[in-house]
Amino acid sequence: MITCYIKYEIDPAKVAEFETYVRMWIPLVEKFGGTHHGYYLPHESSNDLAVCLFSFPSLADYETYRAKSMNDDDCQEAFRFAEKTDCIRRYDRHFLRPVTTKT
């Protein structure tokens, strides 16, 4: 399993728009076989930081999701919404692997 961790710098004046955007993506990740662990928005911390975690069985599965998202109408609508509202200033994507008690 691979988990994608995304750290967003968002416009603090557009948290509501960002929340609309992220609510669009949760079912889309799941539509393409991922498990969404949620978005985390500013609260009692920096007002321009948000994070997201979602997992796929493998990096190859993640890459398939990314390729399919480029041709999916709902994904494209989400991309356009973020661009139109300019709620995201920048983001960094990291890939992590879990360590559990299972071997």
Protein backbone atom coordinates (compact mmCIF):
# COMPACT_ATOMS: atom_id res chain seq x y z
CA MET A 1 0.00 0.00 0.00
CA ILE A 2 1.10 3.55 -0.73
CA THR A 3 -0.34 6.63 0.95
CA CYS A 4 -0.31 10.02 -0.69
CA TYR A 5 0.14 12.91 1.73
CA ILE A 6 -0.64 16.31 0.24
CA LYS A 7 0.19 19.53 2.07
CA TYR A 8 -1.70 22.53 0.73
CA GLU A 9 -1.09 26.21 1.14
CA ILE A 10 -4.56 27.67 0.77
CA ASP A 11 -5.96 31.18 0.66
CA PRO A 12 -7.23 31.81 4.22
CA ALA A 13 -10.05 33.93 2.80
CA LYS A 14 -11.22 30.97 0.70
CA VAL A 15 -11.43 28.10 3.16
CA ALA A 16 -15.11 27.59 2.29
CA GLU A 17 -14.22 27.25 -1.40
CA PHE A 18 -11.40 24.85 -0.58
CA GLU A 19 -13.81 22.77 1.51
CA THR A 20 -16.19 22.56 -1.46
CA TYR A 21 -13.27 21.43 -3.63
CA VAL A 22 -12.14 18.71 -1.23
CA ARG A 23 -15.67 17.36 -0.83
CA MET A 24 -15.62 16.83 -4.60
CA TRP A 25 -12.42 14.75 -4.44
CA ILE A 26 -13.19 12.30 -1.65
CA PRO A 27 -15.65 10.20 -3.71
CA LEU A 28 -13.49 10.58 -6.82
CA VAL A 29 -10.47 8.93 -5.18
CA GLU A 30 -12.75 6.12 -4.03
CA LYS A 31 -14.29 5.85 -7.53
CA PHE A 32 -10.85 4.93 -8.85
CA GLY A 33 -10.06 2.33 -6.18
CA GLY A 34 -8.41 4.47 -3.52
CA THR A 35 -9.17 4.77 0.16
CA HIS A 36 -9.59 8.35 1.30
CA HIS A 37 -8.51 9.12 4.86
CA GLY A 38 -9.79 12.68 4.79
CA TYR A 39 -8.80 16.28 4.42
CA TYR A 40 -7.73 18.31 7.42
CA LEU A 41 -8.45 22.02 7.38
CA PRO A 42 -7.01 24.83 9.50
CA HIS A 43 -8.12 24.90 13.11
CA GLU A 44 -6.21 26.57 15.93
CA SER A 45 -3.06 26.64 13.78
CA SER A 46 -1.75 28.29 10.66
CA ASN A 47 -4.77 29.53 8.74
CA ASP A 48 -3.29 28.67 5.34
CA LEU A 49 -2.35 25.01 5.89
CA ALA A 50 -4.47 21.99 4.94
CA VAL A 51 -3.50 18.36 4.44
CA CYS A 52 -4.96 15.29 2.80
CA LEU A 53 -4.25 11.55 3.03
CA PHE A 54 -5.42 8.80 0.69
CA SER A 55 -4.10 5.36 -0.17
CA PHE A 56 -3.92 3.01 -3.13
CA PRO A 57 -2.80 -0.61 -3.15
CA SER A 58 0.37 0.36 -5.06
CA LEU A 59 2.11 3.28 -6.73
CA ALA A 60 1.10 1.77 -10.08
CA ASP A 61 -2.56 1.91 -9.00
CA TYR A 62 -2.08 5.55 -8.00
CA GLU A 63 -0.55 6.32 -11.41
CA THR A 64 -3.53 4.64 -13.11
CA TYR A 65 -5.88 6.81 -11.04
CA ARG A 66 -3.96 9.96 -12.04
CA ALA A 67 -4.10 9.03 -15.73
CA LYS A 68 -7.82 8.23 -15.61
CA SER A 69 -8.59 11.43 -13.69
CA MET A 70 -7.30 13.47 -16.62
CA ASN A 71 -10.17 12.13 -18.76
CA ASP A 72 -12.92 11.99 -16.15
CA ASP A 73 -15.59 14.70 -16.34
CA ASP A 74 -16.10 14.90 -12.56
CA CYS A 75 -12.37 15.18 -11.92
CA GLN A 76 -12.03 17.87 -14.56
CA GLU A 77 -14.91 19.76 -12.95
CA ALA A 78 -13.05 19.68 -9.61
CA PHE A 79 -9.83 20.91 -11.25
CA ARG A 80 -11.73 23.77 -12.92
CA PHE A 81 -13.45 24.72 -9.65
CA ALA A 82 -10.09 25.05 -7.85
CA GLU A 83 -8.68 27.09 -10.72
CA LYS A 84 -11.74 29.35 -10.90
CA THR A 85 -11.85 30.04 -7.17
CA ASP A 86 -8.05 30.24 -6.79
CA CYS A 87 -8.39 28.68 -3.32
CA ILE A 88 -5.10 26.73 -3.58
CA ARG A 89 -1.87 28.70 -3.61
CA ARG A 90 0.44 25.66 -3.84
CA TYR A 91 0.71 22.05 -2.78
CA ASP A 92 3.35 19.41 -2.15
CA ARG A 93 2.70 15.72 -2.73
CA HIS A 94 4.56 12.99 -0.82
CA PHE A 95 4.26 9.21 -0.99
CA LEU A 96 4.52 7.21 2.19
CA ARG A 97 4.34 3.54 3.11
CA PRO A 98 2.74 2.44 6.35
CA VAL A 99 4.52 0.50 9.05
CA THR A 100 2.17 -1.75 10.99
CA THR A 101 2.43 -4.64 13.41
CA LYS A 102 1.66 -7.02 10.53
CA THR A 103 4.63 -8.40 8.62
